[in-house]
């Protein structure tokens, strides 16, 4: 196998692993990212794991096809970060699952997470809950991307121990749907994403209004998104 072709989502995650020595790929699924990190992105060792034994076997098979031994890539069945210790990895990759689950995985081995140089997360949903958890537990998001891949928008966050710095003084600090670094790194994509979310929220709002229950949370979300769009239109 000459080269592993990654989706744009996985390629973005791989690029954010630049400089990693040992990466733990939590929820490795088919193993394409784990193997590509070794083969194409300069990571010296990958600790791949998944709660599914089938996924673990797929990863081992792909690693063998790539000619990678266990000195470079190990694949084991593991529940989150359980069984890993501080110093085992300098980079954590936790992608393709809900934000609340990602927060729970980190929380169950917080000392390890706090010891890592970076945690790369790609939540499928629940990003606001994930941001709130990170802020409340000593993590700072220092890099962030909004991408579009396969007909869907994705947010990819990089965090590490610390306190978030204010980079854009006009960006609302309490807006947890998307962070300020997305406005720095991908402002055009961010605007597209926010308009997409606003459209979806307003559609849900119309449906909720028809059920005679005041949809206060949807109203709040729509107002927040509209406010941030207005700020960004003025600034960018």
C-alpha atoms as a PDB file:
ATOM      1  CA  UNK A   1       0.000   0.000   0.000  1.00  0.00           C
ATOM      2  CA  UNK A   2       1.676   3.173  -1.245  1.00  0.00           C
ATOM      3  CA  UNK A   3      -0.489   5.809   0.398  1.00  0.00           C
ATOM      4  CA  UNK A   4      -3.534   5.934   2.635  1.00  0.00           C
ATOM      5  CA  UNK A   5      -6.147   8.326   1.279  1.00  0.00           C
ATOM      6  CA  UNK A   6      -7.926  10.208   4.049  1.00  0.00           C
ATOM      7  CA  UNK A   7     -11.153  12.166   3.981  1.00  0.00           C
ATOM      8  CA  UNK A   8     -10.796  15.917   4.424  1.00  0.00           C
ATOM      9  CA  UNK A   9     -11.962  15.507   8.028  1.00  0.00           C
ATOM     10  CA  UNK A  10      -9.323  12.909   8.885  1.00  0.00           C
ATOM     11  CA  UNK A  11      -6.647  14.741   6.919  1.00  0.00           C
ATOM     12  CA  UNK A  12      -7.295  17.896   8.957  1.00  0.00           C
ATOM     13  CA  UNK A  13      -6.965  15.910  12.182  1.00  0.00           C
ATOM     14  CA  UNK A  14      -3.731  14.348  10.914  1.00  0.00           C
ATOM     15  CA  UNK A  15      -2.251  17.743  10.048  1.00  0.00           C
ATOM     16  CA  UNK A  16      -3.046  18.992  13.546  1.00  0.00           C
ATOM     17  CA  UNK A  17      -0.930  16.114  14.913  1.00  0.00           C
ATOM     18  CA  UNK A  18       2.180  17.765  13.461  1.00  0.00           C
ATOM     19  CA  UNK A  19       5.074  17.347  15.877  1.00  0.00           C
ATOM     20  CA  UNK A  20       3.470  14.519  17.835  1.00  0.00           C
ATOM     21  CA  UNK A  21       5.799  11.728  18.928  1.00  0.00           C
ATOM     22  CA  UNK A  22       3.298   9.262  20.411  1.00  0.00           C
ATOM     23  CA  UNK A  23      -0.385   9.658  19.574  1.00  0.00           C
ATOM     24  CA  UNK A  24      -3.261   7.740  21.131  1.00  0.00           C
ATOM     25  CA  UNK A  25      -6.075   7.367  18.603  1.00  0.00           C
ATOM     26  CA  UNK A  26      -9.158   6.747  20.738  1.00  0.00           C
ATOM     27  CA  UNK A  27     -12.005   5.191  18.774  1.00  0.00           C
ATOM     28  CA  UNK A  28      -9.726   4.251  15.865  1.00  0.00           C
ATOM     29  CA  UNK A  29     -12.565   2.643  13.861  1.00  0.00           C
ATOM     30  CA  UNK A  30     -11.041   1.253  10.621  1.00  0.00           C
ATOM     31  CA  UNK A  31      -7.522   2.414  11.489  1.00  0.00           C
ATOM     32  CA  UNK A  32      -6.922   4.645   8.479  1.00  0.00           C
ATOM     33  CA  UNK A  33      -5.990   7.666  10.560  1.00  0.00           C
ATOM     34  CA  UNK A  34      -3.782   5.613  12.907  1.00  0.00           C
ATOM     35  CA  UNK A  35      -1.850   4.076  10.026  1.00  0.00           C
ATOM     36  CA  UNK A  36      -1.597   7.339   8.078  1.00  0.00           C
ATOM     37  CA  UNK A  37      -0.133   9.141  11.103  1.00  0.00           C
ATOM     38  CA  UNK A  38       2.764   6.659  11.087  1.00  0.00           C
ATOM     39  CA  UNK A  39       3.120   6.273   7.339  1.00  0.00           C
ATOM     40  CA  UNK A  40       2.622   9.845   6.128  1.00  0.00           C
ATOM     41  CA  UNK A  41       2.589  12.383   8.963  1.00  0.00           C
ATOM     42  CA  UNK A  42       5.772  11.741  10.928  1.00  0.00           C
ATOM     43  CA  UNK A  43       4.290  10.366  14.147  1.00  0.00           C
ATOM     44  CA  UNK A  44       6.733   7.879  15.665  1.00  0.00           C
ATOM     45  CA  UNK A  45       4.223   5.630  17.449  1.00  0.00           C
ATOM     46  CA  UNK A  46       0.436   5.301  17.564  1.00  0.00           C
ATOM     47  CA  UNK A  47      -1.572   3.651  20.314  1.00  0.00           C
ATOM     48  CA  UNK A  48      -4.795   2.788  18.522  1.00  0.00           C
ATOM     49  CA  UNK A  49      -7.816   1.614  20.471  1.00  0.00           C
ATOM     50  CA  UNK A  50     -11.524   1.064  20.102  1.00  0.00           C
ATOM     51  CA  UNK A  51     -14.288  -0.412  22.201  1.00  0.00           C
ATOM     52  CA  UNK A  52     -15.139  -2.619  19.206  1.00  0.00           C
ATOM     53  CA  UNK A  53     -13.005  -5.725  18.679  1.00  0.00           C
ATOM     54  CA  UNK A  54     -13.965  -5.679  14.987  1.00  0.00           C
ATOM     55  CA  UNK A  55     -12.462  -2.182  14.630  1.00  0.00           C
ATOM     56  CA  UNK A  56      -9.309  -3.311  16.443  1.00  0.00           C
ATOM     57  CA  UNK A  57      -8.907  -6.211  14.010  1.00  0.00           C
ATOM     58  CA  UNK A  58      -9.453  -3.912  11.013  1.00  0.00           C
ATOM     59  CA  UNK A  59      -6.734  -1.609  12.304  1.00  0.00           C
ATOM     60  CA  UNK A  60      -4.305  -4.493  12.831  1.00  0.00           C
ATOM     61  CA  UNK A  61      -4.983  -5.794   9.318  1.00  0.00           C
ATOM     62  CA  UNK A  62      -4.406  -2.388   7.752  1.00  0.00           C
ATOM     63  CA  UNK A  63      -1.222  -1.874   9.780  1.00  0.00           C
ATOM     64  CA  UNK A  64       0.100  -5.220   8.523  1.00  0.00           C
ATOM     65  CA  UNK A  65      -0.686  -4.228   4.912  1.00  0.00           C
ATOM     66  CA  UNK A  66       1.293  -1.039   5.493  1.00  0.00           C
ATOM     67  CA  UNK A  67       4.219  -3.016   6.894  1.00  0.00           C
ATOM     68  CA  UNK A  68       3.944  -1.489  10.366  1.00  0.00           C
ATOM     69  CA  UNK A  69       4.882  -3.589  13.360  1.00  0.00           C
ATOM     70  CA  UNK A  70       3.832  -3.247  16.984  1.00  0.00           C
ATOM     71  CA  UNK A  71       6.887  -1.134  17.702  1.00  0.00           C
ATOM     72  CA  UNK A  72       5.171   1.567  15.607  1.00  0.00           C
ATOM     73  CA  UNK A  73       1.455   0.839  15.954  1.00  0.00           C
ATOM     74  CA  UNK A  74      -0.437  -1.145  18.559  1.00  0.00           C
ATOM     75  CA  UNK A  75      -4.179  -1.734  18.341  1.00  0.00           C
ATOM     76  CA  UNK A  76      -6.073  -2.923  21.404  1.00  0.00           C
ATOM     77  CA  UNK A  77      -9.630  -3.073  22.659  1.00  0.00           C
ATOM     78  CA  UNK A  78     -10.004  -0.312  25.245  1.00  0.00           C
ATOM     79  CA  UNK A  79     -12.769   1.782  26.737  1.00  0.00           C
ATOM     80  CA  UNK A  80     -11.646   5.382  26.254  1.00  0.00           C
ATOM     81  CA  UNK A  81      -8.459   6.247  28.129  1.00  0.00           C
ATOM     82  CA  UNK A  82      -8.787   3.480  30.699  1.00  0.00           C
ATOM     83  CA  UNK A  83      -5.468   1.668  31.075  1.00  0.00           C
ATOM     84  CA  UNK A  84      -3.307   4.533  29.788  1.00  0.00           C
ATOM     85  CA  UNK A  85      -0.941   6.372  32.122  1.00  0.00           C
ATOM     86  CA  UNK A  86       0.682   9.801  32.116  1.00  0.00           C
ATOM     87  CA  UNK A  87       3.624   9.715  29.734  1.00  0.00           C
ATOM     88  CA  UNK A  88       2.193   6.997  27.477  1.00  0.00           C
ATOM     89  CA  UNK A  89       1.252   9.565  24.810  1.00  0.00           C
ATOM     90  CA  UNK A  90       1.853  13.246  24.178  1.00  0.00           C
ATOM     91  CA  UNK A  91      -1.150  13.600  21.837  1.00  0.00           C
ATOM     92  CA  UNK A  92      -4.723  12.357  22.168  1.00  0.00           C
ATOM     93  CA  UNK A  93      -7.095  12.071  19.219  1.00  0.00           C
ATOM     94  CA  UNK A  94     -10.750  11.551  20.139  1.00  0.00           C
ATOM     95  CA  UNK A  95     -13.007  11.888  17.122  1.00  0.00           C
ATOM     96  CA  UNK A  96     -16.258  10.779  15.576  1.00  0.00           C
ATOM     97  CA  UNK A  97     -18.395  10.680  18.716  1.00  0.00           C
ATOM     98  CA  UNK A  98     -20.614  13.005  20.739  1.00  0.00           C
ATOM     99  CA  UNK A  99     -19.143  15.920  22.662  1.00  0.00           C
ATOM    100  CA  UNK A 100     -20.555  14.720  25.966  1.00  0.00           C
ATOM    101  CA  UNK A 101     -18.984  11.299  25.437  1.00  0.00           C
ATOM    102  CA  UNK A 102     -15.639  12.917  24.618  1.00  0.00           C
ATOM    103  CA  UNK A 103     -15.885  14.934  27.844  1.00  0.00           C
ATOM    104  CA  UNK A 104     -16.677  11.750  29.780  1.00  0.00           C
ATOM    105  CA  UNK A 105     -13.700   9.928  28.245  1.00  0.00           C
ATOM    106  CA  UNK A 106     -11.383  12.767  29.268  1.00  0.00           C
ATOM    107  CA  UNK A 107     -12.915  13.032  32.718  1.00  0.00           C
ATOM    108  CA  UNK A 108     -12.344   9.353  33.488  1.00  0.00           C
ATOM    109  CA  UNK A 109      -8.578   9.829  33.060  1.00  0.00           C
ATOM    110  CA  UNK A 110      -8.153  13.551  33.565  1.00  0.00           C
ATOM    111  CA  UNK A 111      -4.537  13.342  34.857  1.00  0.00           C
ATOM    112  CA  UNK A 112      -3.448  11.784  31.557  1.00  0.00           C
ATOM    113  CA  UNK A 113      -5.389  14.338  29.513  1.00  0.00           C
ATOM    114  CA  UNK A 114      -3.901  17.239  31.460  1.00  0.00           C
ATOM    115  CA  UNK A 115      -0.405  15.837  30.948  1.00  0.00           C
ATOM    116  CA  UNK A 116      -0.690  15.714  27.140  1.00  0.00           C
ATOM    117  CA  UNK A 117       0.695  18.383  24.849  1.00  0.00           C
ATOM    118  CA  UNK A 118      -2.529  18.409  22.850  1.00  0.00           C
ATOM    119  CA  UNK A 119      -5.957  16.808  22.663  1.00  0.00           C
ATOM    120  CA  UNK A 120      -7.529  16.823  19.210  1.00  0.00           C
ATOM    121  CA  UNK A 121     -11.295  16.396  19.306  1.00  0.00           C
ATOM    122  CA  UNK A 122     -13.905  16.164  16.582  1.00  0.00           C
ATOM    123  CA  UNK A 123     -17.359  16.003  18.164  1.00  0.00           C
ATOM    124  CA  UNK A 124     -20.251  14.896  15.971  1.00  0.00           C
ATOM    125  CA  UNK A 125     -22.662  16.833  18.193  1.00  0.00           C
ATOM    126  CA  UNK A 126     -22.737  18.322  21.687  1.00  0.00           C
ATOM    127  CA  UNK A 127     -19.894  20.745  21.013  1.00  0.00           C
ATOM    128  CA  UNK A 128     -21.314  23.310  23.442  1.00  0.00           C
ATOM    129  CA  UNK A 129     -21.305  20.768  26.267  1.00  0.00           C
ATOM    130  CA  UNK A 130     -17.739  19.779  25.387  1.00  0.00           C
ATOM    131  CA  UNK A 131     -16.516  23.394  25.430  1.00  0.00           C
ATOM    132  CA  UNK A 132     -18.199  24.017  28.756  1.00  0.00           C
ATOM    133  CA  UNK A 133     -16.524  20.919  30.222  1.00  0.00           C
ATOM    134  CA  UNK A 134     -13.075  21.903  28.937  1.00  0.00           C
ATOM    135  CA  UNK A 135     -13.333  25.409  30.353  1.00  0.00           C
ATOM    136  CA  UNK A 136     -14.502  24.171  33.740  1.00  0.00           C
ATOM    137  CA  UNK A 137     -11.737  21.578  34.033  1.00  0.00           C
ATOM    138  CA  UNK A 138      -8.525  23.427  33.274  1.00  0.00           C
ATOM    139  CA  UNK A 139      -8.265  22.996  29.490  1.00  0.00           C
ATOM    140  CA  UNK A 140      -7.794  25.746  26.924  1.00  0.00           C
ATOM    141  CA  UNK A 141      -8.782  25.507  23.264  1.00  0.00           C
ATOM    142  CA  UNK A 142      -5.831  26.959  21.377  1.00  0.00           C
ATOM    143  CA  UNK A 143      -6.656  25.887  17.815  1.00  0.00           C
ATOM    144  CA  UNK A 144      -9.883  25.180  15.997  1.00  0.00           C
ATOM    145  CA  UNK A 145     -11.110  24.534  12.470  1.00  0.00           C
ATOM    146  CA  UNK A 146     -14.495  24.438  10.784  1.00  0.00           C
ATOM    147  CA  UNK A 147     -14.467  22.235   7.691  1.00  0.00           C
ATOM    148  CA  UNK A 148     -16.965  20.881   5.178  1.00  0.00           C
ATOM    149  CA  UNK A 149     -16.620  17.261   4.119  1.00  0.00           C
ATOM    150  CA  UNK A 150     -19.021  14.844   2.482  1.00  0.00           C
ATOM    151  CA  UNK A 151     -21.989  17.173   2.759  1.00  0.00           C
ATOM    152  CA  UNK A 152     -21.487  17.920   6.466  1.00  0.00           C
ATOM    153  CA  UNK A 153     -19.836  20.570   8.575  1.00  0.00           C
ATOM    154  CA  UNK A 154     -17.372  19.483  11.252  1.00  0.00           C
ATOM    155  CA  UNK A 155     -15.616  21.281  14.076  1.00  0.00           C
ATOM    156  CA  UNK A 156     -12.152  20.132  15.075  1.00  0.00           C
ATOM    157  CA  UNK A 157     -10.761  21.424  18.386  1.00  0.00           C
ATOM    158  CA  UNK A 158      -7.256  21.345  19.827  1.00  0.00           C
ATOM    159  CA  UNK A 159      -6.906  21.803  23.572  1.00  0.00           C
ATOM    160  CA  UNK A 160      -4.302  21.471  26.296  1.00  0.00           C
ATOM    161  CA  UNK A 161      -3.929  22.295  29.962  1.00  0.00           C
ATOM    162  CA  UNK A 162      -4.194  26.034  30.539  1.00  0.00           C
ATOM    163  CA  UNK A 163      -6.491  29.026  30.376  1.00  0.00           C
ATOM    164  CA  UNK A 164      -7.855  30.298  27.081  1.00  0.00           C
ATOM    165  CA  UNK A 165      -6.370  33.550  25.822  1.00  0.00           C
ATOM    166  CA  UNK A 166      -8.513  36.287  24.346  1.00  0.00           C
ATOM    167  CA  UNK A 167      -7.355  36.615  20.738  1.00  0.00           C
ATOM    168  CA  UNK A 168     -10.345  38.490  19.301  1.00  0.00           C
ATOM    169  CA  UNK A 169     -11.675  40.979  21.826  1.00  0.00           C
ATOM    170  CA  UNK A 170     -14.928  41.372  19.879  1.00  0.00           C
ATOM    171  CA  UNK A 171     -15.785  37.660  19.825  1.00  0.00           C
ATOM    172  CA  UNK A 172     -18.395  36.737  22.484  1.00  0.00           C
ATOM    173  CA  UNK A 173     -16.700  34.676  25.165  1.00  0.00           C
ATOM    174  CA  UNK A 174     -19.958  32.988  26.166  1.00  0.00           C
ATOM    175  CA  UNK A 175     -20.735  31.739  22.633  1.00  0.00           C
ATOM    176  CA  UNK A 176     -20.040  28.022  22.983  1.00  0.00           C
ATOM    177  CA  UNK A 177     -21.226  26.800  19.584  1.00  0.00           C
ATOM    178  CA  UNK A 178     -17.991  27.894  17.854  1.00  0.00           C
ATOM    179  CA  UNK A 179     -14.861  29.444  19.341  1.00  0.00           C
ATOM    180  CA  UNK A 180     -12.811  32.479  18.437  1.00  0.00           C
ATOM    181  CA  UNK A 181     -10.006  30.471  16.823  1.00  0.00           C
ATOM    182  CA  UNK A 182     -12.388  29.359  14.076  1.00  0.00           C
ATOM    183  CA  UNK A 183     -12.797  33.035  13.195  1.00  0.00           C
ATOM    184  CA  UNK A 184      -9.015  33.339  13.036  1.00  0.00           C
ATOM    185  CA  UNK A 185      -8.317  30.169  11.038  1.00  0.00           C
ATOM    186  CA  UNK A 186     -11.337  29.768   8.763  1.00  0.00           C
ATOM    187  CA  UNK A 187     -13.544  32.886   8.832  1.00  0.00           C
ATOM    188  CA  UNK A 188     -15.285  32.227   5.503  1.00  0.00           C
ATOM    189  CA  UNK A 189     -16.111  28.635   6.430  1.00  0.00           C
ATOM    190  CA  UNK A 190     -17.238  29.800   9.859  1.00  0.00           C
ATOM    191  CA  UNK A 191     -19.734  32.226   8.303  1.00  0.00           C
ATOM    192  CA  UNK A 192     -21.083  29.497   6.041  1.00  0.00           C
ATOM    193  CA  UNK A 193     -21.440  27.171   9.005  1.00  0.00           C
ATOM    194  CA  UNK A 194     -23.194  29.762  11.178  1.00  0.00           C
ATOM    195  CA  UNK A 195     -25.693  30.581   8.438  1.00  0.00           C
ATOM    196  CA  UNK A 196     -26.306  26.864   7.963  1.00  0.00           C
ATOM    197  CA  UNK A 197     -26.918  26.418  11.711  1.00  0.00           C
ATOM    198  CA  UNK A 198     -29.163  29.476  11.828  1.00  0.00           C
ATOM    199  CA  UNK A 199     -31.258  28.144   8.961  1.00  0.00           C
ATOM    200  CA  UNK A 200     -31.626  24.774  10.692  1.00  0.00           C
ATOM    201  CA  UNK A 201     -32.464  26.385  14.034  1.00  0.00           C
ATOM    202  CA  UNK A 202     -35.171  28.563  12.479  1.00  0.00           C
ATOM    203  CA  UNK A 203     -36.729  25.537  10.781  1.00  0.00           C
ATOM    204  CA  UNK A 204     -36.847  23.732  14.129  1.00  0.00           C
ATOM    205  CA  UNK A 205     -38.287  26.893  15.680  1.00  0.00           C
ATOM    206  CA  UNK A 206     -41.195  26.951  13.216  1.00  0.00           C
ATOM    207  CA  UNK A 207     -41.922  23.291  13.970  1.00  0.00           C
ATOM    208  CA  UNK A 208     -41.695  23.860  17.737  1.00  0.00           C
ATOM    209  CA  UNK A 209     -44.015  26.875  17.600  1.00  0.00           C
ATOM    210  CA  UNK A 210     -46.690  24.724  16.018  1.00  0.00           C
ATOM    211  CA  UNK A 211     -46.718  22.504  19.126  1.00  0.00           C
ATOM    212  CA  UNK A 212     -47.751  25.365  21.452  1.00  0.00           C
ATOM    213  CA  UNK A 213     -44.684  24.988  23.683  1.00  0.00           C
ATOM    214  CA  UNK A 214     -42.516  28.126  23.969  1.00  0.00           C
ATOM    215  CA  UNK A 215     -39.208  26.965  22.422  1.00  0.00           C
ATOM    216  CA  UNK A 216     -37.058  29.197  24.644  1.00  0.00           C
ATOM    217  CA  UNK A 217     -33.832  27.279  24.011  1.00  0.00           C
ATOM    218  CA  UNK A 218     -34.222  27.454  20.231  1.00  0.00           C
ATOM    219  CA  UNK A 219     -34.988  31.175  20.465  1.00  0.00           C
ATOM    220  CA  UNK A 220     -31.828  31.682  22.516  1.00  0.00           C
ATOM    221  CA  UNK A 221     -29.739  29.710  20.016  1.00  0.00           C
ATOM    222  CA  UNK A 222     -31.088  31.656  17.037  1.00  0.00           C
ATOM    223  CA  UNK A 223     -30.479  34.993  18.749  1.00  0.00           C
ATOM    224  CA  UNK A 224     -26.924  34.013  19.709  1.00  0.00           C
ATOM    225  CA  UNK A 225     -26.060  32.882  16.195  1.00  0.00           C
ATOM    226  CA  UNK A 226     -27.592  36.003  14.630  1.00  0.00           C
ATOM    227  CA  UNK A 227     -25.595  38.162  17.032  1.00  0.00           C
ATOM    228  CA  UNK A 228     -22.287  36.489  16.152  1.00  0.00           C
ATOM    229  CA  UNK A 229     -23.027  36.646  12.415  1.00  0.00           C
ATOM    230  CA  UNK A 230     -23.714  40.365  12.763  1.00  0.00           C
ATOM    231  CA  UNK A 231     -20.459  40.929  14.670  1.00  0.00           C
ATOM    232  CA  UNK A 232     -18.400  38.968  12.160  1.00  0.00           C
ATOM    233  CA  UNK A 233     -19.996  40.704   9.177  1.00  0.00           C
ATOM    234  CA  UNK A 234     -18.996  44.036  10.660  1.00  0.00           C
ATOM    235  CA  UNK A 235     -15.455  42.973  11.580  1.00  0.00           C
ATOM    236  CA  UNK A 236     -14.509  40.701   8.695  1.00  0.00           C
END
